Protein backbone atom coordinates (compact mmCIF):
# COMPACT_ATOMS: atom_id res chain seq x y z
CA MET A 1 92.44 182.50 124.22
CA LEU A 2 89.69 182.71 126.96
CA GLN A 3 88.28 186.33 127.39
CA THR A 4 89.53 186.58 131.18
CA GLU A 5 92.84 185.46 129.82
CA VAL A 6 92.68 188.35 127.50
CA ALA A 7 91.53 190.86 130.53
CA HIS A 8 94.59 189.38 132.18
CA LEU A 9 96.94 190.34 129.72
CA GLN A 10 94.96 193.71 128.93
CA GLU A 11 95.92 194.63 132.92
CA ALA A 12 99.97 194.23 132.46
CA LEU A 13 100.14 196.81 128.79
CA THR A 14 101.24 199.81 129.17
CA ALA A 15 99.58 202.95 127.04
CA GLU A 16 102.51 202.40 124.93
CA GLU A 17 101.86 198.93 124.18
CA ARG A 18 98.33 199.38 123.86
CA LEU A 19 98.52 202.47 121.36
CA LYS A 20 99.60 202.39 117.56
CA PRO A 21 102.07 205.52 116.82
CA LEU A 22 100.45 208.74 115.07
CA SER A 23 102.67 207.81 112.07
CA ALA A 24 100.31 204.35 111.34
CA PHE A 25 97.51 207.84 110.66
CA THR A 26 96.61 210.50 108.64
CA GLY A 27 95.44 213.96 109.18
CA SER A 28 95.88 216.52 111.80
CA LEU A 29 97.09 216.21 115.22
CA ALA A 30 93.79 215.21 117.22
CA GLN A 31 92.51 213.09 113.95
CA ARG A 32 95.67 210.95 114.45
CA VAL A 33 95.38 210.95 118.02
CA TYR A 34 91.42 210.07 117.60
CA GLY A 35 92.87 207.44 115.03
CA SER A 36 94.91 205.81 117.19
CA LEU A 37 92.61 205.74 120.53
CA LYS A 38 89.72 204.40 118.27
CA GLU A 39 91.94 201.62 116.77
CA ALA A 40 92.87 200.91 120.19
CA ILE A 41 89.23 200.52 121.48
CA LEU A 42 88.05 198.63 118.80
CA SER A 43 90.38 195.94 118.68
CA LEU A 44 90.21 195.60 122.49
CA SER A 45 93.47 196.58 123.29
CA TYR A 46 91.63 198.57 126.18
CA GLY A 47 88.77 196.74 127.01
CA PRO A 48 85.29 197.55 127.92
CA GLY A 49 85.17 199.87 131.30
CA ASP A 50 89.14 200.13 130.71
CA SER A 51 90.04 203.87 132.38
CA LEU A 52 91.46 205.97 129.30
CA ARG A 53 94.22 208.03 131.32
CA LYS A 54 95.14 211.35 129.38
CA PRO A 55 98.64 212.07 131.23
CA GLU A 56 99.97 208.36 129.97
CA ILE A 57 98.38 208.72 126.60
CA CYS A 58 100.11 212.05 126.37
CA THR A 59 103.23 210.85 127.35
CA ALA A 60 102.76 207.44 124.94
CA LEU A 61 101.59 209.34 121.68
CA GLY A 62 104.16 212.45 122.38
CA VAL A 63 101.53 215.03 122.43
CA SER A 64 99.91 217.49 124.69
CA ARG A 65 96.64 217.18 126.30
CA SER A 66 94.77 219.31 123.99
CA PRO A 67 94.76 217.19 120.96
CA VAL A 68 93.97 214.30 123.42
CA ALA A 69 90.79 216.21 124.88
CA GLU A 70 89.56 216.56 121.73
CA ALA A 71 90.03 212.84 120.43
CA VAL A 72 88.14 212.21 123.18
CA ALA A 73 85.42 214.50 122.73
CA ARG A 74 85.05 212.76 119.38
CA LEU A 75 85.05 209.26 120.71
CA GLN A 76 82.37 210.69 123.56
CA ALA A 77 80.28 211.47 120.54
CA ASP A 78 81.10 207.93 118.71
CA ASN A 79 79.50 206.46 121.92
CA LEU A 80 82.44 204.43 122.43
CA VAL A 81 84.08 206.19 125.97
CA THR A 82 82.29 207.57 128.74
CA VAL A 83 83.66 210.72 130.75
CA ILE A 84 82.32 210.80 134.23
CA PRO A 85 83.21 214.88 135.64
CA GLN A 86 85.74 214.45 138.55
CA ALA A 87 86.35 210.68 138.18
CA GLY A 88 87.98 209.94 134.86
CA THR A 89 87.19 208.80 131.01
CA TYR A 90 86.32 204.87 130.17
CA VAL A 91 85.97 202.78 127.41
CA ALA A 92 82.60 202.10 127.11
CA ARG A 93 81.04 199.07 127.82
CA LEU A 94 79.18 197.20 124.63
CA SER A 95 75.81 197.50 124.46
CA MET A 96 73.77 194.25 122.93
CA GLN A 97 71.25 196.70 121.62
CA GLU A 98 73.42 198.92 119.89
CA VAL A 99 75.21 195.83 118.55
CA ARG A 100 72.43 194.28 117.43
CA GLU A 101 70.97 197.86 115.89
CA GLY A 102 74.27 198.12 114.10
CA ALA A 103 74.11 194.71 112.96
CA PHE A 104 70.74 195.07 111.41
CA LEU A 105 72.05 198.25 109.88
CA ARG A 106 75.00 196.42 108.05
CA GLN A 107 72.85 193.35 106.81
CA ALA A 108 70.42 195.49 105.08
CA LEU A 109 73.50 197.00 103.24
CA GLU A 110 75.75 194.17 102.38
CA LEU A 111 73.03 191.36 101.71
CA ALA A 112 71.52 194.39 98.93
CA ALA A 113 75.29 194.82 97.98
CA VAL A 114 76.39 191.27 97.53
CA GLU A 115 73.24 190.86 95.32
CA ARG A 116 74.31 193.39 93.14
CA VAL A 117 78.01 192.32 93.20
CA ALA A 118 76.86 188.87 92.18
CA GLU A 119 75.19 189.96 88.78
CA THR A 120 78.42 192.45 87.96
CA ILE A 121 81.45 190.82 89.32
CA THR A 122 84.65 190.68 87.02
CA GLU A 123 87.31 188.01 87.06
CA ALA A 124 89.66 190.76 88.25
CA GLN A 125 87.61 191.35 91.35
CA LEU A 126 87.21 187.46 91.84
CA VAL A 127 91.08 187.20 91.89
CA GLU A 128 91.50 189.71 94.49
CA LEU A 129 88.81 187.75 96.61
CA ARG A 130 90.71 184.67 96.44
CA ARG A 131 93.60 186.18 97.15
CA ASN A 132 91.81 187.63 100.30
CA LEU A 133 90.70 184.50 101.44
CA ARG A 134 94.33 182.29 100.93
CA VAL A 135 95.69 185.07 102.83
CA GLN A 136 92.92 184.69 105.82
CA SER A 137 93.97 181.07 105.32
CA ALA A 138 97.50 181.89 106.02
CA HIS A 139 96.57 183.76 109.45
CA ILE A 140 94.46 180.98 110.63
CA VAL A 141 97.71 178.47 109.98
CA ASP A 142 99.49 181.01 111.91
CA ASN A 143 97.02 181.52 114.71
CA ASP A 144 97.02 185.36 113.88
CA PHE A 145 93.66 186.61 115.36
CA ALA A 146 94.59 190.39 114.68
CA GLY A 147 95.64 189.85 111.26
CA PHE A 148 92.71 187.18 110.58
CA TYR A 149 90.35 190.16 111.72
CA GLN A 150 91.51 192.33 109.31
CA THR A 151 91.51 190.71 106.18
CA ASP A 152 88.00 189.48 106.77
CA ALA A 153 87.07 192.97 107.26
CA ALA A 154 89.16 193.88 104.12
CA MET A 155 86.99 191.28 102.25
CA HIS A 156 83.81 192.75 103.17
CA GLU A 157 85.00 195.98 102.15
CA LEU A 158 85.99 194.68 98.65
CA ILE A 159 82.68 193.12 98.35
CA LEU A 160 81.01 196.88 99.10
CA SER A 161 83.56 198.72 96.77
CA PHE A 162 82.81 196.05 94.00
CA THR A 163 79.07 197.72 93.80
CA GLY A 164 80.66 201.31 92.70
CA PHE A 165 78.76 203.08 95.05
CA LYS A 166 81.59 205.34 96.68
CA ARG A 167 79.85 206.20 100.37
CA LEU A 168 78.77 202.33 100.54
CA SER A 169 81.79 201.81 102.67
CA SER A 170 81.87 204.53 105.30
CA LEU A 171 77.66 203.99 105.79
CA ALA A 172 78.59 200.18 106.96
CA ASP A 173 81.70 201.41 108.73
CA THR A 174 79.34 203.70 110.69
CA SER A 175 76.94 201.64 111.76
CA TRP A 176 79.59 198.66 112.27
CA VAL A 177 81.62 200.85 114.47
CA HIS A 178 79.90 199.08 118.16
CA VAL A 179 79.87 195.48 116.29
CA ASN A 180 83.38 195.52 115.66
CA ARG A 181 84.28 195.60 119.26
CA ALA A 182 81.96 192.61 119.85
CA ARG A 183 83.30 190.42 116.71
CA ARG A 184 86.92 190.87 118.82
CA LEU A 185 85.46 188.87 121.33
CA ILE A 186 84.17 185.96 119.12
CA LEU A 187 86.57 185.31 116.71
CA PRO A 188 88.86 183.77 119.57
CA SER A 189 86.05 181.01 120.54
CA PRO A 190 87.55 177.61 119.45
CA GLY A 191 86.90 177.03 116.01
CA ARG A 192 85.07 180.07 114.91
CA VAL A 193 87.89 181.21 112.50
CA GLU A 194 87.89 178.45 110.64
CA GLN A 195 84.04 178.41 110.44
CA THR A 196 84.38 182.34 109.08
CA LEU A 197 86.59 181.10 106.50
CA ASP A 198 84.23 178.25 105.26
CA GLU A 199 81.63 181.26 105.39
CA HIS A 200 83.67 183.25 103.65
CA GLN A 201 84.36 180.37 101.01
CA THR A 202 80.65 179.90 100.48
CA ILE A 203 79.80 183.73 99.35
CA LEU A 204 83.07 183.21 97.25
CA ALA A 205 81.49 180.26 95.44
CA ALA A 206 78.17 181.86 95.00
CA LEU A 207 79.83 184.99 93.62
CA GLU A 208 81.80 182.78 91.07
CA ALA A 209 78.79 181.11 90.40
CA ARG A 210 76.96 184.78 89.70
CA ASP A 211 74.03 183.31 91.69
CA PRO A 212 72.17 186.73 93.61
CA ALA A 213 70.16 184.42 95.32
CA ARG A 214 72.93 182.11 96.72
CA ALA A 215 75.08 184.52 97.36
CA ARG A 216 72.41 186.57 99.29
CA ALA A 217 71.59 183.29 101.57
CA ALA A 218 75.56 182.79 102.16
CA THR A 219 75.93 186.37 103.53
CA GLN A 220 72.66 186.50 105.51
CA LEU A 221 73.81 183.22 107.09
CA HIS A 222 77.23 184.63 107.88
CA LEU A 223 76.12 187.99 109.30
CA GLY A 224 73.54 186.52 111.31
CA GLN A 225 76.10 184.17 113.76
CA LEU A 226 77.41 187.49 115.57
CA ILE A 227 74.27 187.78 117.51
CA THR A 228 74.20 183.97 118.27
CA LEU A 229 77.55 183.82 119.20
CA LEU A 230 77.59 187.07 121.10
CA GLU A 231 74.72 186.49 123.55
CA PRO A 232 76.28 183.61 125.44
CA ILE A 233 79.45 185.57 126.15
CA ALA A 234 77.18 188.89 126.97
CA ALA A 235 75.36 186.10 129.43
CA ALA A 236 78.87 185.06 131.12
CA GLN A 237 80.51 188.00 131.47
CA PRO A 238 77.86 190.90 132.17
CA ASP A 239 80.89 193.30 133.64
CA LEU A 240 81.79 193.85 129.97
CA PHE A 241 77.75 194.94 128.98
CA ASP A 242 75.73 197.56 130.03
CA PRO A 243 72.08 196.60 130.90
CA ASP A 244 70.08 197.07 128.02
């Protein structure tokens, strides 16, 4: 689906349709509101430049203005929303500079991780990765981009977790937050999900061979596709991006 078509579909969505219910999240009321809004922004249910109308959000989630205001303040600190006094709250446009920086940080973490994992991976861990890739393949058959995206992210999280370093995933998520939205623009591109699956299978083969250099090269090639594929989208749809 073309991104312009996605935008037209988004315009017709209500807040109830864009936001997941609070029962899908944990923590305090404000934390759950934050989780629902953040997920909607990262998934592009609310696209770059979209207005976040607090009364509609309150009604959709069944909450008062206070937890919504607290959640918006956190999203502003994440650089995911822009608050303009007397004008409104808007989803921040994408920044190629922030995306490049996030991709650089994530790549540094993940390349080191996959090298380590190639030397230590167990057969049980390989089974987890193989199962994950089978689910990815099923999502492609079903033309389920959202499901593929989630399973793709889970594969990378598995590799990071296999290092045994407990804080690595949270560090990667922090550096990757602006990249996550950008990746959602890329996956619907014709052939990209199939290509992504091929790249994942190449990484898995390197891990099965317990070859650190090969695993690093395959991961670097995979992660490096992001900027290459995103730059033409940024040029074609400048309204989604802030000028850097």
